């Protein structure tokens, strides 16, 4: 069974700040998931972790496309 999640929220910061919060693993861990990669890049897969423990549950996310300060497409 394929798992699908969709989320939508209103964020009151600049598009640059939101993009950085997703692309930069250090920034993302302050708000959402923890990551152990060097940043999001198109056509790459990264792991998102629920917490920062060494044995934290993780799931793979494929980066489909990034449009600077506009869109992030993940699968």
N, C-alpha and C. Protein backbone atom coordinates (compact mmCIF):
# COMPACT_ATOMS: atom_id res chain seq x y z
N UNK A 1 0.85 -1.18 0.00
CA UNK A 1 0.00 0.00 0.00
C UNK A 1 0.89 1.25 0.00
N UNK A 2 0.61 2.16 -0.90
CA UNK A 2 1.37 3.40 -0.99
C UNK A 2 0.88 4.38 0.07
N UNK A 3 1.82 5.01 0.76
CA UNK A 3 1.48 6.00 1.77
C UNK A 3 1.60 7.38 1.16
N UNK A 4 0.61 8.20 1.40
CA UNK A 4 0.59 9.55 0.85
C UNK A 4 0.27 10.52 1.97
N UNK A 5 1.01 11.61 2.03
CA UNK A 5 0.73 12.66 3.01
C UNK A 5 0.70 13.99 2.27
N UNK A 6 -0.25 14.79 2.61
CA UNK A 6 -0.33 16.13 2.04
C UNK A 6 -0.50 17.10 3.20
N UNK A 7 0.21 18.21 3.10
CA UNK A 7 0.13 19.20 4.17
C UNK A 7 0.07 20.60 3.56
N UNK A 8 -0.60 21.46 4.23
CA UNK A 8 -0.69 22.84 3.79
C UNK A 8 -0.73 23.70 5.05
N UNK A 9 0.03 24.76 5.07
CA UNK A 9 -0.02 25.66 6.22
C UNK A 9 0.32 27.07 5.77
N UNK A 10 -0.06 28.02 6.58
CA UNK A 10 0.26 29.42 6.31
C UNK A 10 1.49 29.77 7.14
N UNK A 11 2.51 30.28 6.47
CA UNK A 11 3.77 30.61 7.12
C UNK A 11 4.05 32.09 6.90
N UNK A 12 4.38 32.79 7.96
CA UNK A 12 4.56 34.24 7.88
C UNK A 12 6.03 34.63 7.92
N UNK A 13 6.81 34.08 7.00
CA UNK A 13 8.21 34.48 6.82
C UNK A 13 8.49 34.54 5.32
N UNK A 14 9.66 35.03 4.98
CA UNK A 14 10.00 35.18 3.56
C UNK A 14 10.15 33.82 2.87
N UNK A 15 9.94 33.79 1.55
CA UNK A 15 10.16 32.54 0.82
C UNK A 15 11.58 32.00 0.99
N UNK A 16 12.55 32.89 1.09
CA UNK A 16 13.94 32.46 1.29
C UNK A 16 14.12 31.72 2.61
N UNK A 17 13.48 32.20 3.66
CA UNK A 17 13.57 31.55 4.98
C UNK A 17 12.91 30.17 4.96
N UNK A 18 11.78 30.06 4.28
CA UNK A 18 11.09 28.77 4.18
C UNK A 18 11.93 27.79 3.38
N UNK A 19 12.48 28.24 2.26
CA UNK A 19 13.32 27.38 1.43
C UNK A 19 14.53 26.89 2.22
N UNK A 20 15.16 27.78 2.97
CA UNK A 20 16.31 27.39 3.78
C UNK A 20 15.91 26.37 4.85
N UNK A 21 14.73 26.54 5.43
CA UNK A 21 14.27 25.61 6.46
C UNK A 21 14.10 24.20 5.92
N UNK A 22 13.80 24.05 4.65
CA UNK A 22 13.70 22.72 4.03
C UNK A 22 15.05 22.22 3.53
N UNK A 23 15.78 23.06 2.84
CA UNK A 23 17.02 22.61 2.18
C UNK A 23 18.14 22.36 3.17
N UNK A 24 18.30 23.20 4.17
CA UNK A 24 19.39 23.10 5.13
C UNK A 24 19.00 22.15 6.26
N UNK A 25 19.73 21.03 6.43
CA UNK A 25 19.37 20.06 7.47
C UNK A 25 19.35 20.65 8.89
N UNK A 26 20.26 21.57 9.18
CA UNK A 26 20.31 22.18 10.51
C UNK A 26 19.06 23.02 10.75
N UNK A 27 18.67 23.80 9.75
CA UNK A 27 17.46 24.62 9.88
C UNK A 27 16.22 23.75 10.00
N UNK A 28 16.15 22.69 9.18
CA UNK A 28 14.97 21.83 9.21
C UNK A 28 14.78 21.18 10.57
N UNK A 29 15.86 20.77 11.20
CA UNK A 29 15.74 20.07 12.49
C UNK A 29 15.19 20.96 13.60
N UNK A 30 15.22 22.27 13.41
CA UNK A 30 14.65 23.19 14.40
C UNK A 30 13.13 23.19 14.35
N UNK A 31 12.55 22.82 13.20
CA UNK A 31 11.12 22.93 13.00
C UNK A 31 10.41 21.61 12.75
N UNK A 32 11.05 20.70 11.99
CA UNK A 32 10.37 19.49 11.54
C UNK A 32 11.22 18.27 11.82
N UNK A 33 11.68 17.64 10.76
CA UNK A 33 12.42 16.39 10.85
C UNK A 33 13.92 16.62 10.97
N UNK A 34 14.59 15.67 11.57
CA UNK A 34 16.05 15.70 11.63
C UNK A 34 16.59 15.02 10.37
N UNK A 35 17.74 15.49 9.90
CA UNK A 35 18.36 14.90 8.72
C UNK A 35 19.87 14.80 8.95
N UNK A 36 20.49 13.88 8.22
CA UNK A 36 21.94 13.68 8.33
C UNK A 36 22.60 13.78 6.96
N UNK A 37 22.12 14.72 6.14
CA UNK A 37 22.65 14.87 4.79
C UNK A 37 23.28 16.25 4.63
N UNK A 38 23.72 16.55 3.43
CA UNK A 38 24.38 17.82 3.14
C UNK A 38 23.44 18.85 2.52
N UNK A 39 22.17 18.54 2.44
CA UNK A 39 21.20 19.46 1.85
C UNK A 39 20.42 18.78 0.73
N UNK A 40 19.23 19.31 0.43
CA UNK A 40 18.40 18.73 -0.61
C UNK A 40 18.94 19.11 -1.99
N UNK A 41 18.96 18.11 -2.88
CA UNK A 41 19.37 18.32 -4.26
C UNK A 41 18.42 17.54 -5.16
N UNK A 42 18.05 18.11 -6.32
CA UNK A 42 17.16 17.40 -7.23
C UNK A 42 17.71 16.02 -7.61
N UNK A 43 16.81 15.08 -7.78
CA UNK A 43 17.12 13.71 -8.21
C UNK A 43 17.94 12.93 -7.19
N UNK A 44 17.93 13.33 -5.93
CA UNK A 44 18.60 12.58 -4.87
C UNK A 44 17.58 12.14 -3.83
N UNK A 45 17.92 11.12 -3.08
CA UNK A 45 17.09 10.66 -1.97
C UNK A 45 17.79 10.99 -0.66
N UNK A 46 17.00 11.39 0.33
CA UNK A 46 17.52 11.70 1.66
C UNK A 46 16.66 11.00 2.70
N UNK A 47 17.17 10.86 3.89
CA UNK A 47 16.42 10.27 5.00
C UNK A 47 15.94 11.39 5.92
N UNK A 48 14.67 11.35 6.29
CA UNK A 48 14.11 12.22 7.31
C UNK A 48 13.94 11.35 8.55
N UNK A 49 14.32 11.86 9.72
CA UNK A 49 14.25 11.10 10.96
C UNK A 49 13.30 11.76 11.95
N UNK A 50 12.58 10.94 12.70
CA UNK A 50 11.71 11.42 13.77
C UNK A 50 12.54 11.46 15.05
N UNK A 51 13.20 12.57 15.28
CA UNK A 51 14.08 12.71 16.43
C UNK A 51 15.53 12.61 16.02
N UNK A 52 16.42 12.89 16.97
CA UNK A 52 17.84 12.89 16.64
C UNK A 52 18.61 11.75 17.30
N UNK A 53 17.90 10.80 17.91
CA UNK A 53 18.58 9.64 18.52
C UNK A 53 19.23 8.79 17.43
N UNK A 54 20.28 8.11 17.79
CA UNK A 54 21.01 7.27 16.84
C UNK A 54 20.10 6.23 16.19
N UNK A 55 19.11 5.73 16.93
CA UNK A 55 18.20 4.70 16.40
C UNK A 55 16.82 5.27 16.04
N UNK A 56 16.74 6.57 15.77
CA UNK A 56 15.46 7.21 15.43
C UNK A 56 14.87 6.61 14.16
N UNK A 57 13.55 6.49 14.13
CA UNK A 57 12.86 6.00 12.94
C UNK A 57 13.10 6.97 11.79
N UNK A 58 13.44 6.45 10.63
CA UNK A 58 13.66 7.29 9.46
C UNK A 58 12.89 6.79 8.26
N UNK A 59 12.65 7.67 7.33
CA UNK A 59 12.00 7.29 6.08
C UNK A 59 12.66 8.05 4.94
N UNK A 60 12.67 7.42 3.78
CA UNK A 60 13.34 7.97 2.60
C UNK A 60 12.43 8.94 1.87
N UNK A 61 13.00 10.06 1.46
CA UNK A 61 12.29 11.06 0.67
C UNK A 61 13.10 11.31 -0.59
N UNK A 62 12.43 11.25 -1.73
CA UNK A 62 13.09 11.52 -3.00
C UNK A 62 12.82 12.97 -3.38
N UNK A 63 13.89 13.70 -3.70
CA UNK A 63 13.75 15.08 -4.13
C UNK A 63 13.52 15.07 -5.65
N UNK A 64 12.35 15.45 -6.06
CA UNK A 64 12.00 15.45 -7.48
C UNK A 64 12.51 16.73 -8.14
N UNK A 65 12.24 17.87 -7.52
CA UNK A 65 12.63 19.15 -8.12
C UNK A 65 12.68 20.23 -7.05
N UNK A 66 13.51 21.22 -7.27
CA UNK A 66 13.60 22.41 -6.43
C UNK A 66 13.53 23.63 -7.34
N UNK A 67 12.68 24.57 -7.01
CA UNK A 67 12.60 25.83 -7.73
C UNK A 67 12.91 26.91 -6.70
N UNK A 68 14.02 27.59 -6.85
CA UNK A 68 14.52 28.53 -5.85
C UNK A 68 13.42 29.46 -5.32
N UNK A 69 13.26 29.46 -4.00
CA UNK A 69 12.33 30.33 -3.28
C UNK A 69 10.89 30.22 -3.76
N UNK A 70 10.54 29.06 -4.33
CA UNK A 70 9.20 28.91 -4.86
C UNK A 70 8.58 27.54 -4.56
N UNK A 71 9.23 26.45 -5.01
CA UNK A 71 8.63 25.14 -4.90
C UNK A 71 9.65 24.06 -4.55
N UNK A 72 9.19 23.08 -3.80
CA UNK A 72 9.97 21.88 -3.50
C UNK A 72 9.06 20.69 -3.77
N UNK A 73 9.48 19.81 -4.65
CA UNK A 73 8.69 18.62 -4.97
C UNK A 73 9.40 17.41 -4.39
N UNK A 74 8.72 16.74 -3.45
CA UNK A 74 9.27 15.54 -2.79
C UNK A 74 8.35 14.37 -3.03
N UNK A 75 8.94 13.18 -2.97
CA UNK A 75 8.13 11.96 -3.05
C UNK A 75 8.62 11.03 -1.98
